[in-house]
Amino acid sequence: MNYFKSLFSVCAVLALFSCSQQQRPETNVLDESLTFADQQFSNAMQITSDPNKIPRTLDKNRDLTTVGIYNWTSGFFAGNLWYMYKLTGEEKWKNEAVRWTEALDTIQYWSGNHDVGFMIGDSYGLGIRFDNRKQYEPVMVQTAESLCKRFNETTQCLESWNYRKAWDGKTEWFFPVIIDNMMNLELLFEASKISGNQRYYDVAVTHANTTMKNHYRPDYSCYHVVDYDEKTGEVKDKATCQGFTDESSWARGQAWGLYGYVLCYRYTKDAKYLDFAEKIASFILDNPRLPKDLVPYWDYNANMDGWNPEWKYNKADYPVIPRDASAAAITSSALFELATYVTDKGYREKATDMLMSLANNYKADPANNKYFILDHSVGSLPHSAEIDVPLVYADYYFLEAIDRYRNM
């Protein structure tokens, strides 16, 4: 009997050793990514030490492009610094994160568009989560109050942008709601927890339900933009702004939706959101247009259907349809969280494969990108803007995915 106990113990130790050996290459690659991030972010802060000039991307000369605090991406660099603090434990990152976060203070009073959830949630919100900064809680609540000014009882959703024309320069949108807006619901849920104000929670749930009803097709692909009549609540237009065509599936939009419904389940535990998130995940992971390396083309339809002749630039300028590393980073992060709720469908493995693909094949070349972790993302191809470049939010969700990988 003692022999079998000893044999079992030896086998258990060998199994654990084997498992650790299997995980080790992934761990090494991700540790190297953090070392690389240290170098890249340090370079960026040498170029722009002013937290009112926030890294976003590179220009055509591969020089750093910065934005002000009212740009929708303004919170991501502070968020990157918070994640560096969380992942490395180094105080220097916390000190910088605080500095770049608090430069965004006035955003809490701004209601110019829906993106305050990104701007404050990914900066002040992480300060609360990673450093227990209770003094940041009133900022989250005030931001939620500002965001709720964009909620319309008739349309039952939050207006994303003010009046604007579509990229074709003709179509008018009077109450446009974009799939990206799902990401801002986290701010409302958190503010409701902090303050006890049920309204923030209710607005988030109502918006999620309306989006579920009107943004998605039967195959669980989504429209980018849905325009409403704010007097009747009627849907007036379903379209794209940054994707291939109105009826195509813009890759980052699919990622926003997946992430958004996973977080809705996190806060509400309503099974319909989990089911919906799984169906979006199936659209992405089972899509025949998803490349083998799991980093999507900027639009899931573009690699098969050619180019839209109405676009304003020369097709010859972009002979290869670009990938979007930012969409993969967002998707990987969302899948890691989904895997904590649904453990038997391979979401963790797919999330890990996607994360490793980014780390191994989409990492920036420091010879021509000295400031970001990842390269090869797309801002808006129809606008000929930020095509095949690094983007600050791709780095943010890449770091978040690393954190979630480690937590699992």
Protein backbone atom coordinates (compact mmCIF):
# COMPACT_ATOMS: atom_id res chain seq x y z
CA MET A 1 0.00 0.00 0.00
CA ASN A 2 2.84 2.41 0.86
CA TYR A 3 4.38 1.58 -2.51
CA PHE A 4 1.27 2.73 -4.35
CA LYS A 5 1.07 5.90 -2.25
CA SER A 6 4.68 6.68 -3.08
CA LEU A 7 4.11 5.94 -6.75
CA PHE A 8 1.06 8.21 -6.76
CA SER A 9 3.06 11.02 -5.13
CA VAL A 10 5.83 10.70 -7.69
CA CYS A 11 3.34 10.73 -10.56
CA ALA A 12 1.62 13.80 -9.11
CA VAL A 13 4.92 15.66 -8.85
CA LEU A 14 5.85 14.68 -12.41
CA ALA A 15 2.44 15.83 -13.67
CA LEU A 16 2.83 19.19 -11.97
CA PHE A 17 6.36 19.52 -13.37
CA SER A 18 5.10 18.65 -16.84
CA CYS A 19 2.30 21.21 -16.55
CA SER A 20 4.70 23.92 -15.40
CA GLN A 21 7.02 23.09 -18.29
CA GLN A 22 4.11 23.45 -20.72
CA GLN A 23 3.18 26.84 -19.29
CA ARG A 24 6.70 28.14 -19.09
CA PRO A 25 7.10 29.25 -22.74
CA GLU A 26 3.91 31.32 -22.52
CA THR A 27 4.98 32.86 -19.23
CA ASN A 28 8.39 33.73 -20.64
CA VAL A 29 6.91 35.39 -23.72
CA LEU A 30 4.51 37.48 -21.64
CA ASP A 31 7.24 38.45 -19.17
CA GLU A 32 9.31 39.59 -22.15
CA SER A 33 6.33 41.62 -23.34
CA LEU A 34 6.24 43.45 -20.00
CA THR A 35 9.96 44.16 -20.15
CA PHE A 36 9.43 45.49 -23.66
CA ALA A 37 6.47 47.60 -22.47
CA ASP A 38 8.69 49.13 -19.78
CA GLN A 39 11.12 50.25 -22.46
CA GLN A 40 8.47 51.53 -24.87
CA PHE A 41 6.41 53.47 -22.34
CA SER A 42 9.54 54.99 -20.83
CA ASN A 43 10.49 56.18 -24.32
CA ALA A 44 7.06 57.72 -24.80
CA MET A 45 7.24 59.65 -21.53
CA GLN A 46 10.62 61.04 -22.50
CA ILE A 47 9.00 62.52 -25.60
CA THR A 48 5.86 63.75 -23.86
CA SER A 49 6.18 64.35 -20.14
CA ASP A 50 3.07 66.56 -20.17
CA PRO A 51 0.00 64.45 -19.25
CA ASN A 52 -2.13 66.83 -21.30
CA LYS A 53 -0.33 65.49 -24.39
CA ILE A 54 -1.28 61.83 -24.35
CA PRO A 55 0.24 59.13 -26.60
CA ARG A 56 -2.19 57.70 -29.12
CA THR A 57 -0.37 56.41 -32.24
CA LEU A 58 2.43 57.17 -34.73
CA ASP A 59 2.30 59.51 -37.72
CA LYS A 60 3.48 58.67 -41.24
CA ASN A 61 7.05 59.43 -40.20
CA ARG A 62 6.69 57.01 -37.27
CA ASP A 63 6.87 59.86 -34.80
CA LEU A 64 4.69 59.92 -31.69
CA THR A 65 1.22 61.42 -32.10
CA THR A 66 -0.42 62.81 -28.96
CA VAL A 67 -3.94 63.99 -28.13
CA GLY A 68 -5.57 66.17 -25.50
CA ILE A 69 -7.72 65.10 -22.61
CA TYR A 70 -11.00 65.40 -24.55
CA ASN A 71 -9.97 62.84 -27.15
CA TRP A 72 -11.81 59.53 -26.69
CA THR A 73 -8.51 57.68 -26.16
CA SER A 74 -7.23 59.98 -23.42
CA GLY A 75 -7.68 57.50 -20.55
CA PHE A 76 -5.87 54.55 -22.08
CA PHE A 77 -2.28 55.66 -21.46
CA ALA A 78 -2.99 56.20 -17.77
CA GLY A 79 -4.64 52.77 -17.82
CA ASN A 80 -1.53 51.26 -19.36
CA LEU A 81 0.54 52.70 -16.53
CA TRP A 82 -1.87 51.31 -13.93
CA TYR A 83 -1.59 47.88 -15.53
CA MET A 84 2.20 48.13 -15.49
CA TYR A 85 1.97 48.82 -11.76
CA LYS A 86 -0.41 45.88 -11.25
CA LEU A 87 1.71 43.49 -13.33
CA THR A 88 5.17 44.50 -12.09
CA GLY A 89 4.54 45.93 -8.61
CA GLU A 90 6.97 48.77 -9.35
CA GLU A 91 6.14 52.03 -7.60
CA LYS A 92 7.41 54.14 -10.50
CA TRP A 93 4.43 53.02 -12.57
CA LYS A 94 1.95 53.90 -9.84
CA ASN A 95 3.45 57.38 -9.48
CA GLU A 96 3.18 57.97 -13.22
CA ALA A 97 -0.30 56.46 -13.37
CA VAL A 98 -1.53 58.88 -10.72
CA ARG A 99 -0.06 61.84 -12.59
CA TRP A 100 -1.56 60.89 -15.95
CA THR A 101 -4.90 59.95 -14.36
CA GLU A 102 -5.44 63.15 -12.42
CA ALA A 103 -4.79 65.26 -15.52
CA LEU A 104 -8.22 64.01 -16.69
CA ASP A 105 -10.09 65.47 -13.72
CA THR A 106 -12.35 67.84 -15.67
CA ILE A 107 -13.70 65.02 -17.87
CA GLN A 108 -16.04 64.03 -15.04
CA TYR A 109 -18.17 67.10 -15.83
CA TRP A 110 -18.13 66.64 -19.61
CA SER A 111 -21.05 65.15 -21.51
CA GLY A 112 -19.88 65.85 -25.06
CA ASN A 113 -20.06 62.20 -26.10
CA HIS A 114 -20.34 58.68 -24.70
CA ASP A 115 -16.60 58.01 -24.40
CA VAL A 116 -16.26 59.24 -20.82
CA GLY A 117 -16.51 55.59 -19.80
CA PHE A 118 -13.23 54.87 -21.55
CA MET A 119 -11.65 58.13 -20.42
CA ILE A 120 -12.45 57.88 -16.70
CA GLY A 121 -13.16 54.19 -16.19
CA ASP A 122 -9.79 53.12 -17.59
CA SER A 123 -7.88 55.69 -15.55
CA TYR A 124 -9.65 56.60 -12.29
CA GLY A 125 -11.41 53.24 -12.28
CA LEU A 126 -8.12 51.34 -12.30
CA GLY A 127 -6.75 53.60 -9.58
CA ILE A 128 -9.61 52.43 -7.37
CA ARG A 129 -9.14 48.77 -8.29
CA PHE A 130 -5.35 48.58 -8.12
CA ASP A 131 -4.51 51.10 -5.39
CA ASN A 132 -7.75 51.39 -3.39
CA ARG A 133 -7.94 55.13 -4.10
CA LYS A 134 -11.27 55.90 -2.47
CA GLN A 135 -10.74 59.57 -3.30
CA TYR A 136 -11.35 58.67 -6.94
CA GLU A 137 -14.84 57.32 -6.29
CA PRO A 138 -16.63 60.71 -6.48
CA VAL A 139 -15.06 61.23 -9.91
CA MET A 140 -16.56 57.96 -11.14
CA VAL A 141 -19.99 58.93 -9.80
CA GLN A 142 -19.90 62.42 -11.29
CA THR A 143 -18.81 60.97 -14.64
CA ALA A 144 -21.75 58.57 -14.56
CA GLU A 145 -24.04 61.51 -13.89
CA SER A 146 -22.59 63.31 -16.91
CA LEU A 147 -22.94 60.23 -19.11
CA CYS A 148 -26.58 59.76 -18.11
CA LYS A 149 -27.38 63.16 -19.62
CA ARG A 150 -27.06 61.37 -22.95
CA PHE A 151 -29.77 58.84 -22.10
CA ASN A 152 -33.09 59.25 -23.88
CA GLU A 153 -36.20 57.67 -22.39
CA THR A 154 -37.85 57.41 -25.81
CA THR A 155 -35.01 55.64 -27.59
CA GLN A 156 -34.12 53.71 -24.42
CA CYS A 157 -30.41 54.13 -24.99
CA LEU A 158 -27.44 56.46 -24.61
CA GLU A 159 -26.65 58.73 -27.55
CA SER A 160 -23.07 58.03 -28.63
CA TRP A 161 -22.33 61.03 -30.85
CA ASN A 162 -24.06 64.32 -31.44
CA TYR A 163 -25.56 65.01 -34.87
CA ARG A 164 -23.13 64.15 -37.65
CA LYS A 165 -22.98 62.91 -41.20
CA ALA A 166 -21.83 59.43 -42.13
CA TRP A 167 -18.44 58.91 -43.77
CA ASP A 168 -20.16 59.09 -47.17
CA GLY A 169 -20.81 62.78 -46.45
CA LYS A 170 -24.50 62.38 -47.28
CA THR A 171 -26.36 60.31 -44.71
CA GLU A 172 -27.41 62.29 -41.63
CA TRP A 173 -27.43 60.77 -38.16
CA PHE A 174 -29.48 62.64 -35.57
CA PHE A 175 -29.28 60.19 -32.62
CA PRO A 176 -26.46 57.78 -33.51
CA VAL A 177 -25.67 54.89 -31.17
CA ILE A 178 -22.54 52.84 -31.83
CA ILE A 179 -21.67 49.36 -30.61
CA ASP A 180 -18.62 50.85 -28.84
CA ASN A 181 -21.03 52.34 -26.32
CA MET A 182 -21.39 48.93 -24.67
CA MET A 183 -17.94 49.47 -23.18
CA ASN A 184 -19.07 52.53 -21.23
CA LEU A 185 -21.66 50.57 -19.26
CA GLU A 186 -18.96 49.37 -16.87
CA LEU A 187 -18.60 52.93 -15.58
CA LEU A 188 -22.34 53.08 -14.85
CA PHE A 189 -22.36 49.73 -13.06
CA GLU A 190 -19.36 50.73 -10.95
CA ALA A 191 -20.82 54.13 -10.12
CA SER A 192 -24.04 52.44 -9.01
CA LYS A 193 -22.06 50.17 -6.67
CA ILE A 194 -20.11 53.10 -5.26
CA SER A 195 -23.04 55.46 -4.77
CA GLY A 196 -26.00 53.16 -4.31
CA ASN A 197 -27.78 55.07 -7.07
CA GLN A 198 -29.98 52.54 -8.90
CA ARG A 199 -30.47 54.86 -11.87
CA TYR A 200 -26.96 54.27 -13.20
CA TYR A 201 -27.54 50.50 -13.10
CA ASP A 202 -30.93 50.83 -14.78
CA VAL A 203 -29.59 53.01 -17.59
CA ALA A 204 -26.81 50.48 -18.25
CA VAL A 205 -29.25 47.56 -18.40
CA THR A 206 -31.74 49.44 -20.55
CA HIS A 207 -29.05 50.45 -23.02
CA ALA A 208 -27.73 46.87 -23.21
CA ASN A 209 -31.23 45.53 -23.91
CA THR A 210 -31.93 48.09 -26.62
CA THR A 211 -28.61 47.38 -28.27
CA MET A 212 -29.29 43.65 -28.15
CA LYS A 213 -32.59 44.25 -29.91
CA ASN A 214 -31.48 46.64 -32.65
CA HIS A 215 -27.75 46.27 -33.30
CA TYR A 216 -27.50 42.54 -33.97
CA ARG A 217 -28.32 40.38 -36.99
CA PRO A 218 -29.56 36.77 -36.79
CA ASP A 219 -25.98 35.46 -37.07
CA TYR A 220 -24.89 37.67 -34.12
CA SER A 221 -22.79 39.99 -36.20
CA CYS A 222 -23.52 43.61 -35.40
CA TYR A 223 -24.06 46.92 -37.08
CA HIS A 224 -21.62 49.63 -36.12
CA VAL A 225 -24.12 52.52 -36.03
CA VAL A 226 -27.85 52.56 -35.38
CA ASP A 227 -29.56 55.94 -35.75
CA TYR A 228 -32.79 56.60 -33.86
CA ASP A 229 -35.59 59.11 -34.06
CA GLU A 230 -35.37 60.64 -30.61
CA LYS A 231 -39.03 61.71 -30.70
CA THR A 232 -40.51 58.32 -31.61
CA GLY A 233 -37.74 55.85 -30.75
CA GLU A 234 -37.94 54.44 -34.29
CA VAL A 235 -34.77 53.06 -35.89
CA LYS A 236 -33.99 55.26 -38.89
CA ASP A 237 -30.71 53.83 -40.17
CA LYS A 238 -28.36 50.88 -39.62
CA ALA A 239 -24.92 51.48 -41.00
CA THR A 240 -21.18 51.51 -40.55
CA CYS A 241 -18.73 54.31 -39.95
CA GLN A 242 -15.41 52.48 -39.74
CA GLY A 243 -16.18 49.10 -41.32
CA PHE A 244 -16.29 47.73 -44.87
CA THR A 245 -19.97 48.17 -45.71
CA ASP A 246 -23.17 48.82 -43.79
CA GLU A 247 -23.94 45.08 -43.78
CA SER A 248 -20.42 43.88 -42.97
CA SER A 249 -18.90 42.95 -39.62
CA TRP A 250 -16.32 45.45 -38.41
CA ALA A 251 -13.88 43.44 -36.31
CA ARG A 252 -13.37 45.89 -33.46
CA GLY A 253 -17.14 46.37 -33.22
CA GLN A 254 -17.60 42.62 -32.78
CA ALA A 255 -14.98 42.74 -30.02
CA TRP A 256 -16.65 45.69 -28.27
CA GLY A 257 -19.96 43.83 -28.26
CA LEU A 258 -18.49 40.60 -26.90
CA TYR A 259 -16.68 42.44 -24.13
CA GLY A 260 -19.74 44.54 -23.33
CA TYR A 261 -22.14 41.65 -22.84
CA VAL A 262 -19.63 39.69 -20.78
CA LEU A 263 -19.32 42.66 -18.42
CA CYS A 264 -23.12 43.00 -18.31
CA TYR A 265 -23.29 39.43 -17.05
CA ARG A 266 -20.56 40.18 -14.49
CA TYR A 267 -22.64 42.93 -12.89
CA THR A 268 -26.18 41.57 -13.32
CA LYS A 269 -25.75 37.76 -13.40
CA ASP A 270 -28.62 37.80 -15.92
CA ALA A 271 -28.20 34.62 -17.98
CA LYS A 272 -29.45 36.26 -21.17
CA TYR A 273 -26.28 38.38 -21.32
CA LEU A 274 -24.04 35.35 -20.89
CA ASP A 275 -25.93 33.49 -23.60
CA PHE A 276 -25.70 36.50 -25.91
CA ALA A 277 -21.96 36.86 -25.27
CA GLU A 278 -21.42 33.20 -26.13
CA LYS A 279 -23.26 33.63 -29.41
CA ILE A 280 -21.10 36.64 -30.31
CA ALA A 281 -18.03 34.61 -29.37
CA SER A 282 -19.18 31.82 -31.69
CA PHE A 283 -19.59 34.28 -34.55
CA ILE A 284 -15.97 35.36 -34.05
CA LEU A 285 -14.27 32.06 -33.27
CA ASP A 286 -16.16 29.94 -35.83
CA ASN A 287 -15.92 32.57 -38.56
CA PRO A 288 -14.33 31.14 -41.73
CA ARG A 289 -12.79 34.57 -42.33
CA LEU A 290 -10.85 34.54 -39.05
CA PRO A 291 -7.19 33.96 -39.97
CA LYS A 292 -5.31 31.00 -38.54
CA ASP A 293 -3.29 33.27 -36.25
CA LEU A 294 -6.59 34.52 -34.72
CA VAL A 295 -5.88 38.20 -35.41
CA PRO A 296 -8.77 39.38 -37.61
CA TYR A 297 -8.78 41.51 -40.69
CA TRP A 298 -10.09 44.96 -39.87
CA ASP A 299 -13.49 43.75 -41.09
CA TYR A 300 -14.62 40.12 -41.26
CA ASN A 301 -16.10 40.61 -44.74
CA ALA A 302 -13.39 42.68 -46.37
CA ASN A 303 -10.93 39.89 -47.10
CA MET A 304 -13.43 38.14 -49.36
CA ASP A 305 -15.46 40.90 -50.95
CA GLY A 306 -12.88 43.35 -52.25
CA TRP A 307 -12.92 47.11 -51.83
CA ASN A 308 -15.72 49.62 -51.62
CA PRO A 309 -15.48 51.93 -54.68
CA GLU A 310 -16.94 54.86 -52.74
CA TRP A 311 -13.95 55.12 -50.41
CA LYS A 312 -11.98 58.31 -50.80
CA TYR A 313 -8.49 56.90 -51.27
CA ASN A 314 -6.72 54.95 -53.98
CA LYS A 315 -7.03 51.19 -53.68
CA ALA A 316 -3.41 50.90 -54.79
CA ASP A 317 -2.34 52.62 -51.57
CA TYR A 318 -3.56 49.61 -49.57
CA PRO A 319 -3.01 46.48 -51.68
CA VAL A 320 -3.14 44.22 -48.61
CA ILE A 321 -6.22 44.26 -46.39
CA PRO A 322 -4.89 45.14 -42.93
CA ARG A 323 -5.25 43.17 -39.72
CA ASP A 324 -6.49 44.78 -36.52
CA ALA A 325 -4.43 43.80 -33.50
CA SER A 326 -6.64 45.98 -31.30
CA ALA A 327 -9.68 43.82 -32.12
CA ALA A 328 -7.74 40.69 -31.18
CA ALA A 329 -6.54 42.21 -27.89
CA ILE A 330 -10.08 43.21 -26.89
CA THR A 331 -11.43 39.80 -27.90
CA SER A 332 -8.71 37.92 -26.01
CA SER A 333 -9.39 39.89 -22.85
CA ALA A 334 -13.14 39.33 -23.14
CA LEU A 335 -12.68 35.60 -23.72
CA PHE A 336 -10.56 35.27 -20.59
CA GLU A 337 -13.40 36.70 -18.54
CA LEU A 338 -15.99 34.61 -20.39
CA ALA A 339 -13.91 31.53 -19.52
CA THR A 340 -14.43 32.23 -15.82
CA TYR A 341 -18.18 31.83 -16.30
CA VAL A 342 -18.20 29.05 -18.91
CA THR A 343 -15.34 26.65 -18.23
CA ASP A 344 -15.97 23.81 -20.67
CA LYS A 345 -16.02 25.41 -24.13
CA GLY A 346 -12.36 26.22 -24.73
CA TYR A 347 -12.62 29.99 -24.28
CA ARG A 348 -9.53 30.10 -22.10
CA GLU A 349 -7.49 28.21 -24.69
CA LYS A 350 -8.64 30.46 -27.53
CA ALA A 351 -7.95 33.57 -25.46
CA THR A 352 -4.45 32.30 -24.69
CA ASP A 353 -3.76 31.42 -28.33
CA MET A 354 -4.89 34.87 -29.41
CA LEU A 355 -2.78 36.56 -26.73
CA MET A 356 0.29 34.55 -27.67
CA SER A 357 -0.23 35.33 -31.36
CA LEU A 358 -0.18 39.03 -30.54
CA ALA A 359 2.88 38.69 -28.31
CA ASN A 360 4.85 36.65 -30.82
CA ASN A 361 3.82 38.14 -34.16
CA TYR A 362 2.40 41.64 -33.63
CA LYS A 363 4.87 43.14 -31.20
CA ALA A 364 6.34 46.45 -32.34
CA ASP A 365 9.71 46.63 -34.03
CA PRO A 366 11.65 49.17 -31.92
CA ALA A 367 13.52 50.26 -35.04
CA ASN A 368 10.37 52.03 -36.26
CA ASN A 369 8.06 51.98 -33.23
CA LYS A 370 9.67 53.13 -30.00
CA TYR A 371 6.56 53.94 -27.96
CA PHE A 372 3.97 51.14 -28.09
CA ILE A 373 3.87 47.40 -27.40
CA LEU A 374 1.84 46.23 -30.39
CA ASP A 375 1.70 47.28 -34.02
CA HIS A 376 -0.68 46.57 -36.91
CA SER A 377 -3.98 48.02 -35.73
CA VAL A 378 -6.56 50.02 -37.69
CA GLY A 379 -8.43 53.16 -36.65
CA SER A 380 -10.77 53.90 -39.57
CA LEU A 381 -9.93 52.61 -43.02
CA PRO A 382 -12.86 54.39 -44.76
CA HIS A 383 -11.47 57.68 -43.44
CA SER A 384 -7.92 56.70 -44.43
CA ALA A 385 -6.97 57.20 -40.78
CA GLU A 386 -4.58 55.16 -38.62
CA ILE A 387 -4.12 52.19 -40.94
CA ASP A 388 -1.63 49.49 -39.94
CA VAL A 389 -0.27 51.47 -37.00
CA PRO A 390 0.08 51.06 -33.23
CA LEU A 391 -2.83 52.32 -31.14
CA VAL A 392 -2.78 53.05 -27.42
CA TYR A 393 -5.96 51.07 -26.74
CA ALA A 394 -4.53 47.93 -28.38
CA ASP A 395 -1.79 48.04 -25.73
CA TYR A 396 -4.36 48.59 -22.98
CA TYR A 397 -6.39 45.48 -23.77
CA PHE A 398 -3.22 43.47 -24.41
CA LEU A 399 -2.03 44.29 -20.90
CA GLU A 400 -5.46 43.55 -19.48
CA ALA A 401 -5.43 40.18 -21.26
CA ILE A 402 -2.02 39.41 -19.74
CA ASP A 403 -3.39 40.29 -16.30
CA ARG A 404 -6.42 38.04 -16.82
CA TYR A 405 -4.21 35.23 -18.11
CA ARG A 406 -2.12 35.46 -14.96
CA ASN A 407 -5.19 35.52 -12.75
CA MET A 408 -6.43 32.29 -14.31
